[in-house]
Amino acid sequence: MSAETAARTGPTRGGALAPLTIPVFRALWLAVLVSNIGSWMQTVGAQWLLIDEHASPAVVALVQTAASLPVLLIGIPAGVIGEFSNRRPLLI
């Protein structure tokens, strides 16, 4: 980064919370946080319903498995594709 570019953008702050100073990133981060909390609430509600219906512990555990499995099965191949392929045609 040149001195001229640094002067236009102002000083950069370091630290773990520095990305939250960017309004678009902060809005996206908060949306993801709210979405995750909603997903957790839905999973707990489904498990609670199964407990009230006297389902077996294996069925209750399968609810959590069903909620997590798509992330595991899709996330790993998506990471590999994103790492080793040209991103521009993939996004288009």
PDB file of N, CA and C in Angstrom:
ATOM      1  N   MET A   1       0.853  -1.165   0.000  1.00  0.00           N
ATOM      2  CA  MET A   1       0.000   0.000   0.000  1.00  0.00           C
ATOM      3  C   MET A   1       0.900   1.229   0.000  1.00  0.00           C
ATOM      4  N   SER A   2       0.625   2.127  -0.920  1.00  0.00           N
ATOM      5  CA  SER A   2       1.438   3.337  -0.993  1.00  0.00           C
ATOM      6  C   SER A   2       1.007   4.322   0.088  1.00  0.00           C
ATOM      7  N   ALA A   3       1.853   5.317   0.313  1.00  0.00           N
ATOM      8  CA  ALA A   3       1.551   6.331   1.334  1.00  0.00           C
ATOM      9  C   ALA A   3       0.324   7.146   0.930  1.00  0.00           C
ATOM     10  N   GLU A   4       0.150   7.368  -0.387  1.00  0.00           N
ATOM     11  CA  GLU A   4      -1.005   8.133  -0.845  1.00  0.00           C
ATOM     12  C   GLU A   4      -2.306   7.379  -0.583  1.00  0.00           C
ATOM     13  N   THR A   5      -2.319   6.091  -0.850  1.00  0.00           N
ATOM     14  CA  THR A   5      -3.504   5.282  -0.591  1.00  0.00           C
ATOM     15  C   THR A   5      -3.795   5.211   0.899  1.00  0.00           C
ATOM     16  N   ALA A   6      -2.762   5.066   1.709  1.00  0.00           N
ATOM     17  CA  ALA A   6      -2.946   5.019   3.159  1.00  0.00           C
ATOM     18  C   ALA A   6      -3.496   6.328   3.694  1.00  0.00           C
ATOM     19  N   ALA A   7      -3.087   7.446   3.099  1.00  0.00           N
ATOM     20  CA  ALA A   7      -3.575   8.741   3.557  1.00  0.00           C
ATOM     21  C   ALA A   7      -5.056   8.920   3.223  1.00  0.00           C
ATOM     22  N   ARG A   8      -5.504   8.372   2.072  1.00  0.00           N
ATOM     23  CA  ARG A   8      -6.909   8.499   1.692  1.00  0.00           C
ATOM     24  C   ARG A   8      -7.808   7.623   2.542  1.00  0.00           C
ATOM     25  N   THR A   9      -7.365   6.436   2.871  1.00  0.00           N
ATOM     26  CA  THR A   9      -8.205   5.506   3.613  1.00  0.00           C
ATOM     27  C   THR A   9      -8.152   5.739   5.104  1.00  0.00           C
ATOM     28  N   GLY A  10      -7.185   6.474   5.577  1.00  0.00           N
ATOM     29  CA  GLY A  10      -7.073   6.742   7.006  1.00  0.00           C
ATOM     30  C   GLY A  10      -6.311   5.620   7.694  1.00  0.00           C
ATOM     31  N   PRO A  11      -6.130   5.766   8.989  1.00  0.00           N
ATOM     32  CA  PRO A  11      -5.377   4.751   9.715  1.00  0.00           C
ATOM     33  C   PRO A  11      -6.181   3.456   9.831  1.00  0.00           C
ATOM     34  N   THR A  12      -5.467   2.364   9.784  1.00  0.00           N
ATOM     35  CA  THR A  12      -6.126   1.073   9.934  1.00  0.00           C
ATOM     36  C   THR A  12      -5.962   0.594  11.361  1.00  0.00           C
ATOM     37  N   ARG A  13      -7.047   0.082  11.902  1.00  0.00           N
ATOM     38  CA  ARG A  13      -7.000  -0.450  13.258  1.00  0.00           C
ATOM     39  C   ARG A  13      -6.865  -1.958  13.169  1.00  0.00           C
ATOM     40  N   GLY A  14      -6.036  -2.496  14.017  1.00  0.00           N
ATOM     41  CA  GLY A  14      -5.870  -3.925  14.049  1.00  0.00           C
ATOM     42  C   GLY A  14      -6.775  -4.533  15.100  1.00  0.00           C
ATOM     43  N   GLY A  15      -6.699  -5.823  15.208  1.00  0.00           N
ATOM     44  CA  GLY A  15      -7.469  -6.489  16.241  1.00  0.00           C
ATOM     45  C   GLY A  15      -8.547  -7.376  15.666  1.00  0.00           C
ATOM     46  N   ALA A  16      -9.108  -8.180  16.525  1.00  0.00           N
ATOM     47  CA  ALA A  16     -10.111  -9.152  16.099  1.00  0.00           C
ATOM     48  C   ALA A  16     -11.433  -8.492  15.731  1.00  0.00           C
ATOM     49  N   LEU A  17     -11.753  -7.340  16.310  1.00  0.00           N
ATOM     50  CA  LEU A  17     -13.025  -6.690  16.042  1.00  0.00           C
ATOM     51  C   LEU A  17     -12.943  -5.621  14.957  1.00  0.00           C
ATOM     52  N   ALA A  18     -11.783  -5.474  14.329  1.00  0.00           N
ATOM     53  CA  ALA A  18     -11.599  -4.449  13.300  1.00  0.00           C
ATOM     54  C   ALA A  18     -12.561  -4.613  12.119  1.00  0.00           C
ATOM     55  N   PRO A  19     -12.866  -5.829  11.636  1.00  0.00           N
ATOM     56  CA  PRO A  19     -13.810  -5.941  10.513  1.00  0.00           C
ATOM     57  C   PRO A  19     -15.209  -5.419  10.840  1.00  0.00           C
ATOM     58  N   LEU A  20     -15.578  -5.395  12.116  1.00  0.00           N
ATOM     59  CA  LEU A  20     -16.913  -4.915  12.478  1.00  0.00           C
ATOM     60  C   LEU A  20     -17.063  -3.410  12.315  1.00  0.00           C
ATOM     61  N   THR A  21     -15.989  -2.704  12.039  1.00  0.00           N
ATOM     62  CA  THR A  21     -16.093  -1.268  11.775  1.00  0.00           C
ATOM     63  C   THR A  21     -16.623  -0.990  10.374  1.00  0.00           C
ATOM     64  N   ILE A  22     -16.642  -2.001   9.502  1.00  0.00           N
ATOM     65  CA  ILE A  22     -17.172  -1.861   8.143  1.00  0.00           C
ATOM     66  C   ILE A  22     -18.673  -2.139   8.203  1.00  0.00           C
ATOM     67  N   PRO A  23     -19.513  -1.162   7.836  1.00  0.00           N
ATOM     68  CA  PRO A  23     -20.957  -1.312   8.025  1.00  0.00           C
ATOM     69  C   PRO A  23     -21.574  -2.513   7.302  1.00  0.00           C
ATOM     70  N   VAL A  24     -21.158  -2.783   6.069  1.00  0.00           N
ATOM     71  CA  VAL A  24     -21.726  -3.900   5.323  1.00  0.00           C
ATOM     72  C   VAL A  24     -21.355  -5.225   5.985  1.00  0.00           C
ATOM     73  N   PHE A  25     -20.106  -5.346   6.409  1.00  0.00           N
ATOM     74  CA  PHE A  25     -19.675  -6.571   7.081  1.00  0.00           C
ATOM     75  C   PHE A  25     -20.426  -6.751   8.394  1.00  0.00           C
ATOM     76  N   ARG A  26     -20.599  -5.652   9.138  1.00  0.00           N
ATOM     77  CA  ARG A  26     -21.294  -5.733  10.424  1.00  0.00           C
ATOM     78  C   ARG A  26     -22.748  -6.181  10.233  1.00  0.00           C
ATOM     79  N   ALA A  27     -23.423  -5.649   9.209  1.00  0.00           N
ATOM     80  CA  ALA A  27     -24.808  -6.042   8.941  1.00  0.00           C
ATOM     81  C   ALA A  27     -24.892  -7.514   8.549  1.00  0.00           C
ATOM     82  N   LEU A  28     -23.975  -7.956   7.704  1.00  0.00           N
ATOM     83  CA  LEU A  28     -23.960  -9.358   7.289  1.00  0.00           C
ATOM     84  C   LEU A  28     -23.656 -10.268   8.466  1.00  0.00           C
ATOM     85  N   TRP A  29     -22.726  -9.872   9.317  1.00  0.00           N
ATOM     86  CA  TRP A  29     -22.364 -10.672  10.490  1.00  0.00           C
ATOM     87  C   TRP A  29     -23.544 -10.801  11.442  1.00  0.00           C
ATOM     88  N   LEU A  30     -24.261  -9.702  11.658  1.00  0.00           N
ATOM     89  CA  LEU A  30     -25.431  -9.746  12.542  1.00  0.00           C
ATOM     90  C   LEU A  30     -26.547 -10.604  11.948  1.00  0.00           C
ATOM     91  N   ALA A  31     -26.736 -10.544  10.631  1.00  0.00           N
ATOM     92  CA  ALA A  31     -27.751 -11.379   9.984  1.00  0.00           C
ATOM     93  C   ALA A  31     -27.422 -12.859  10.130  1.00  0.00           C
ATOM     94  N   VAL A  32     -26.160 -13.214   9.982  1.00  0.00           N
ATOM     95  CA  VAL A  32     -25.743 -14.607  10.144  1.00  0.00           C
ATOM     96  C   VAL A  32     -25.922 -15.052  11.595  1.00  0.00           C
ATOM     97  N   LEU A  33     -25.611 -14.174  12.534  1.00  0.00           N
ATOM     98  CA  LEU A  33     -25.786 -14.493  13.948  1.00  0.00           C
ATOM     99  C   LEU A  33     -27.251 -14.767  14.276  1.00  0.00           C
ATOM    100  N   VAL A  34     -28.146 -13.906  13.808  1.00  0.00           N
ATOM    101  CA  VAL A  34     -29.578 -14.100  14.057  1.00  0.00           C
ATOM    102  C   VAL A  34     -30.070 -15.379  13.389  1.00  0.00           C
ATOM    103  N   SER A  35     -29.602 -15.657  12.182  1.00  0.00           N
ATOM    104  CA  SER A  35     -29.994 -16.879  11.483  1.00  0.00           C
ATOM    105  C   SER A  35     -29.542 -18.124  12.234  1.00  0.00           C
ATOM    106  N   ASN A  36     -28.316 -18.112  12.740  1.00  0.00           N
ATOM    107  CA  ASN A  36     -27.822 -19.263  13.501  1.00  0.00           C
ATOM    108  C   ASN A  36     -28.622 -19.465  14.780  1.00  0.00           C
ATOM    109  N   ILE A  37     -28.960 -18.393  15.466  1.00  0.00           N
ATOM    110  CA  ILE A  37     -29.755 -18.523  16.690  1.00  0.00           C
ATOM    111  C   ILE A  37     -31.120 -19.115  16.357  1.00  0.00           C
ATOM    112  N   GLY A  38     -31.723 -18.699  15.248  1.00  0.00           N
ATOM    113  CA  GLY A  38     -32.995 -19.275  14.822  1.00  0.00           C
ATOM    114  C   GLY A  38     -32.885 -20.755  14.509  1.00  0.00           C
ATOM    115  N   SER A  39     -31.797 -21.152  13.873  1.00  0.00           N
ATOM    116  CA  SER A  39     -31.586 -22.574  13.575  1.00  0.00           C
ATOM    117  C   SER A  39     -31.423 -23.379  14.857  1.00  0.00           C
ATOM    118  N   TRP A  40     -30.692 -22.831  15.813  1.00  0.00           N
ATOM    119  CA  TRP A  40     -30.527 -23.529  17.098  1.00  0.00           C
ATOM    120  C   TRP A  40     -31.865 -23.668  17.808  1.00  0.00           C
ATOM    121  N   MET A  41     -32.674 -22.619  17.772  1.00  0.00           N
ATOM    122  CA  MET A  41     -33.990 -22.670  18.420  1.00  0.00           C
ATOM    123  C   MET A  41     -34.866 -23.732  17.771  1.00  0.00           C
ATOM    124  N   GLN A  42     -34.824 -23.836  16.444  1.00  0.00           N
ATOM    125  CA  GLN A  42     -35.624 -24.831  15.752  1.00  0.00           C
ATOM    126  C   GLN A  42     -35.173 -26.242  16.109  1.00  0.00           C
ATOM    127  N   THR A  43     -33.873 -26.462  16.199  1.00  0.00           N
ATOM    128  CA  THR A  43     -33.352 -27.779  16.559  1.00  0.00           C
ATOM    129  C   THR A  43     -33.746 -28.150  17.980  1.00  0.00           C
ATOM    130  N   VAL A  44     -33.615 -27.216  18.908  1.00  0.00           N
ATOM    131  CA  VAL A  44     -33.998 -27.482  20.291  1.00  0.00           C
ATOM    132  C   VAL A  44     -35.496 -27.762  20.384  1.00  0.00           C
ATOM    133  N   GLY A  45     -36.295 -27.000  19.639  1.00  0.00           N
ATOM    134  CA  GLY A  45     -37.737 -27.231  19.642  1.00  0.00           C
ATOM    135  C   GLY A  45     -38.104 -28.609  19.109  1.00  0.00           C
ATOM    136  N   ALA A  46     -37.444 -29.032  18.045  1.00  0.00           N
ATOM    137  CA  ALA A  46     -37.713 -30.359  17.489  1.00  0.00           C
ATOM    138  C   ALA A  46     -37.312 -31.454  18.470  1.00  0.00           C
ATOM    139  N   GLN A  47     -36.173 -31.294  19.117  1.00  0.00           N
ATOM    140  CA  GLN A  47     -35.736 -32.289  20.096  1.00  0.00           C
ATOM    141  C   GLN A  47     -36.662 -32.305  21.310  1.00  0.00           C
ATOM    142  N   TRP A  48     -37.103 -31.154  21.739  1.00  0.00           N
ATOM    143  CA  TRP A  48     -38.016 -31.055  22.879  1.00  0.00           C
ATOM    144  C   TRP A  48     -39.336 -31.760  22.561  1.00  0.00           C
ATOM    145  N   LEU A  49     -39.847 -31.551  21.346  1.00  0.00           N
ATOM    146  CA  LEU A  49     -41.077 -32.214  20.931  1.00  0.00           C
ATOM    147  C   LEU A  49     -40.914 -33.734  20.970  1.00  0.00           C
ATOM    148  N   LEU A  50     -39.776 -34.218  20.495  1.00  0.00           N
ATOM    149  CA  LEU A  50     -39.542 -35.665  20.498  1.00  0.00           C
ATOM    150  C   LEU A  50     -39.437 -36.203  21.921  1.00  0.00           C
ATOM    151  N   ILE A  51     -38.857 -35.424  22.820  1.00  0.00           N
ATOM    152  CA  ILE A  51     -38.765 -35.868  24.211  1.00  0.00           C
ATOM    153  C   ILE A  51     -40.160 -35.926  24.825  1.00  0.00           C
ATOM    154  N   ASP A  52     -41.003 -34.932  24.521  1.00  0.00           N
ATOM    155  CA  ASP A  52     -42.373 -34.943  25.028  1.00  0.00           C
ATOM    156  C   ASP A  52     -43.190 -36.103  24.467  1.00  0.00           C
ATOM    157  N   GLU A  53     -42.867 -36.531  23.271  1.00  0.00           N
ATOM    158  CA  GLU A  53     -43.559 -37.657  22.640  1.00  0.00           C
ATOM    159  C   GLU A  53     -42.946 -39.002  23.020  1.00  0.00           C
ATOM    160  N   HIS A  54     -41.983 -38.997  23.925  1.00  0.00           N
ATOM    161  CA  HIS A  54     -41.323 -40.205  24.435  1.00  0.00           C
ATOM    162  C   HIS A  54     -40.612 -40.989  23.328  1.00  0.00           C
ATOM    163  N   ALA A  55     -39.919 -40.258  22.449  1.00  0.00           N
ATOM    164  CA  ALA A  55     -39.135 -40.903  21.404  1.00  0.00           C
ATOM    165  C   ALA A  55     -37.853 -41.451  22.012  1.00  0.00           C
ATOM    166  N   SER A  56     -37.226 -42.361  21.302  1.00  0.00           N
ATOM    167  CA  SER A  56     -35.980 -42.946  21.802  1.00  0.00           C
ATOM    168  C   SER A  56     -34.853 -41.912  21.740  1.00  0.00           C
ATOM    169  N   PRO A  57     -33.849 -42.063  22.591  1.00  0.00           N
ATOM    170  CA  PRO A  57     -32.715 -41.123  22.558  1.00  0.00           C
ATOM    171  C   PRO A  57     -32.008 -41.085  21.206  1.00  0.00           C
ATOM    172  N   ALA A  58     -32.009 -42.197  20.495  1.00  0.00           N
ATOM    173  CA  ALA A  58     -31.362 -42.227  19.183  1.00  0.00           C
ATOM    174  C   ALA A  58     -32.079 -41.302  18.202  1.00  0.00           C
ATOM    175  N   VAL A  59     -33.397 -41.265  18.257  1.00  0.00           N
ATOM    176  CA  VAL A  59     -34.162 -40.396  17.363  1.00  0.00           C
ATOM    177  C   VAL A  59     -33.901 -38.922  17.704  1.00  0.00           C
ATOM    178  N   VAL A  60     -33.806 -38.619  18.992  1.00  0.00           N
ATOM    179  CA  VAL A  60     -33.519 -37.250  19.412  1.00  0.00           C
ATOM    180  C   VAL A  60     -32.135 -36.832  18.908  1.00  0.00           C
ATOM    181  N   ALA A  61     -31.173 -37.733  18.997  1.00  0.00           N
ATOM    182  CA  ALA A  61     -29.822 -37.437  18.505  1.00  0.00           C
ATOM    183  C   ALA A  61     -29.800 -37.294  16.988  1.00  0.00           C
ATOM    184  N   LEU A  62     -30.654 -38.024  16.297  1.00  0.00           N
ATOM    185  CA  LEU A  62     -30.700 -37.925  14.840  1.00  0.00           C
ATOM    186  C   LEU A  62     -31.196 -36.555  14.366  1.00  0.00           C
ATOM    187  N   VAL A  63     -31.959 -35.847  15.201  1.00  0.00           N
ATOM    188  CA  VAL A  63     -32.384 -34.499  14.835  1.00  0.00           C
ATOM    189  C   VAL A  63     -31.164 -33.594  14.692  1.00  0.00           C
ATOM    190  N   GLN A  64     -30.252 -33.664  15.643  1.00  0.00           N
ATOM    191  CA  GLN A  64     -29.034 -32.851  15.562  1.00  0.00           C
ATOM    192  C   GLN A  64     -28.167 -33.287  14.386  1.00  0.00           C
ATOM    193  N   THR A  65     -28.112 -34.588  14.151  1.00  0.00           N
ATOM    194  CA  THR A  65     -27.347 -35.090  13.010  1.00  0.00           C
ATOM    195  C   THR A  65     -27.932 -34.574  11.703  1.00  0.00           C
ATOM    196  N   ALA A  66     -29.253 -34.602  11.596  1.00  0.00           N
ATOM    197  CA  ALA A  66     -29.901 -34.125  10.372  1.00  0.00           C
ATOM    198  C   ALA A  66     -29.675 -32.632  10.167  1.00  0.00           C
ATOM    199  N   ALA A  67     -29.541 -31.877  11.248  1.00  0.00           N
ATOM    200  CA  ALA A  67     -29.297 -30.442  11.121  1.00  0.00           C
ATOM    201  C   ALA A  67     -27.855 -30.147  10.724  1.00  0.00           C
ATOM    202  N   SER A  68     -26.910 -30.971  11.148  1.00  0.00           N
ATOM    203  CA  SER A  68     -25.492 -30.709  10.903  1.00  0.00           C
ATOM    204  C   SER A  68     -24.940 -31.382   9.657  1.00  0.00           C
ATOM    205  N   LEU A  69     -25.546 -32.458   9.239  1.00  0.00           N
ATOM    206  CA  LEU A  69     -24.986 -33.260   8.154  1.00  0.00           C
ATOM    207  C   LEU A  69     -24.874 -32.510   6.828  1.00  0.00           C
ATOM    208  N   PRO A  70     -25.860 -31.720   6.416  1.00  0.00           N
ATOM    209  CA  PRO A  70     -25.689 -31.002   5.140  1.00  0.00           C
ATOM    210  C   PRO A  70     -24.493 -30.058   5.129  1.00  0.00           C
ATOM    211  N   VAL A  71     -24.231 -29.409   6.239  1.00  0.00           N
ATOM    212  CA  VAL A  71     -23.076 -28.509   6.304  1.00  0.00           C
ATOM    213  C   VAL A  71     -21.788 -29.301   6.120  1.00  0.00           C
ATOM    214  N   LEU A  72     -21.713 -30.446   6.746  1.00  0.00           N
ATOM    215  CA  LEU A  72     -20.519 -31.279   6.635  1.00  0.00           C
ATOM    216  C   LEU A  72     -20.368 -31.839   5.224  1.00  0.00           C
ATOM    217  N   LEU A  73     -21.453 -32.351   4.664  1.00  0.00           N
ATOM    218  CA  LEU A  73     -21.370 -32.998   3.354  1.00  0.00           C
ATOM    219  C   LEU A  73     -21.166 -32.009   2.210  1.00  0.00           C
ATOM    220  N   ILE A  74     -21.694 -30.791   2.344  1.00  0.00           N
ATOM    221  CA  ILE A  74     -21.565 -29.806   1.272  1.00  0.00           C
ATOM    222  C   ILE A  74     -20.378 -28.882   1.515  1.00  0.00           C
ATOM    223  N   GLY A  75     -20.066 -28.605   2.774  1.00  0.00           N
ATOM    224  CA  GLY A  75     -19.016 -27.654   3.097  1.00  0.00           C
ATOM    225  C   GLY A  75     -17.632 -28.084   2.668  1.00  0.00           C
ATOM    226  N   ILE A  76     -17.294 -29.334   2.887  1.00  0.00           N
ATOM    227  CA  ILE A  76     -15.950 -29.810   2.538  1.00  0.00           C
ATOM    228  C   ILE A  76     -15.735 -29.802   1.021  1.00  0.00           C
ATOM    229  N   PRO A  77     -16.646 -30.392   0.212  1.00  0.00           N
ATOM    230  CA  PRO A  77     -16.430 -30.298  -1.239  1.00  0.00           C
ATOM    231  C   PRO A  77     -16.463 -28.858  -1.756  1.00  0.00           C
ATOM    232  N   ALA A  78     -17.314 -28.001  -1.175  1.00  0.00           N
ATOM    233  CA  ALA A  78     -17.351 -26.606  -1.622  1.00  0.00           C
ATOM    234  C   ALA A  78     -16.025 -25.907  -1.329  1.00  0.00           C
ATOM    235  N   GLY A  79     -15.419 -26.212  -0.202  1.00  0.00           N
ATOM    236  CA  GLY A  79     -14.112 -25.632   0.117  1.00  0.00           C
ATOM    237  C   GLY A  79     -13.035 -26.082  -0.852  1.00  0.00           C
ATOM    238  N   VAL A  80     -13.068 -27.353  -1.206  1.00  0.00           N
ATOM    239  CA  VAL A  80     -12.081 -27.879  -2.156  1.00  0.00           C
ATOM    240  C   VAL A  80     -12.284 -27.248  -3.528  1.00  0.00           C
ATOM    241  N   ILE A  81     -13.535 -27.150  -3.974  1.00  0.00           N
ATOM    242  CA  ILE A  81     -13.814 -26.535  -5.280  1.00  0.00           C
ATOM    243  C   ILE A  81     -13.389 -25.070  -5.271  1.00  0.00           C
ATOM    244  N   GLY A  82     -13.695 -24.360  -4.196  1.00  0.00           N
ATOM    245  CA  GLY A  82     -13.313 -22.954  -4.111  1.00  0.00           C
ATOM    246  C   GLY A  82     -11.817 -22.739  -4.070  1.00  0.00           C
ATOM    247  N   GLU A  83     -11.090 -23.685  -3.510  1.00  0.00           N
ATOM    248  CA  GLU A  83      -9.641 -23.549  -3.393  1.00  0.00           C
ATOM    249  C   GLU A  83      -8.929 -23.830  -4.712  1.00  0.00           C
ATOM    250  N   PHE A  84      -9.394 -24.838  -5.434  1.00  0.00           N
ATOM    251  CA  PHE A  84      -8.639 -25.306  -6.589  1.00  0.00           C
ATOM    252  C   PHE A  84      -9.218 -24.906  -7.941  1.00  0.00           C
ATOM    253  N   SER A  85     -10.334 -24.219  -7.973  1.00  0.00           N
ATOM    254  CA  SER A  85     -10.910 -23.856  -9.268  1.00  0.00           C
ATOM    255  C   SER A  85     -10.847 -22.344  -9.461  1.00  0.00           C
ATOM    256  N   ASN A  86     -11.080 -21.957 -10.704  1.00  0.00           N
ATOM    257  CA  ASN A  86     -11.132 -20.535 -11.034  1.00  0.00           C
ATOM    258  C   ASN A  86     -12.483 -20.016 -10.542  1.00  0.00           C
ATOM    259  N   ARG A  87     -12.488 -19.046  -9.662  1.00  0.00           N
ATOM    260  CA  ARG A  87     -13.720 -18.598  -9.009  1.00  0.00           C
ATOM    261  C   ARG A  87     -14.647 -17.808  -9.923  1.00  0.00           C
ATOM    262  N   ARG A  88     -14.094 -17.101 -10.880  1.00  0.00           N
ATOM    263  CA  ARG A  88     -14.929 -16.238 -11.719  1.00  0.00           C
ATOM    264  C   ARG A  88     -15.971 -17.033 -12.503  1.00  0.00           C
ATOM    265  N   PRO A  89     -15.606 -18.076 -13.260  1.00  0.00           N
ATOM    266  CA  PRO A  89     -16.659 -18.827 -13.986  1.00  0.00           C
ATOM    267  C   PRO A  89     -17.595 -19.571 -13.023  1.00  0.00           C
ATOM    268  N   LEU A  90     -17.082 -19.973 -11.900  1.00  0.00           N
ATOM    269  CA  LEU A  90     -17.910 -20.683 -10.920  1.00  0.00           C
ATOM    270  C   LEU A  90     -19.007 -19.768 -10.387  1.00  0.00           C
ATOM    271  N   LEU A  91     -18.673 -18.506 -10.121  1.00  0.00           N
ATOM    272  CA  LEU A  91     -19.668 -17.561  -9.620  1.00  0.00           C
ATOM    273  C   LEU A  91     -20.627 -17.100 -10.716  1.00  0.00           C
ATOM    274  N   ILE A  92     -20.147 -17.008 -11.927  1.00  0.00           N
ATOM    275  CA  ILE A  92     -21.022 -16.574 -13.034  1.00  0.00           C
ATOM    276  C   ILE A  92     -21.989 -17.684 -13.350  1.00  0.00           C
TER     277      ILE A  92
END
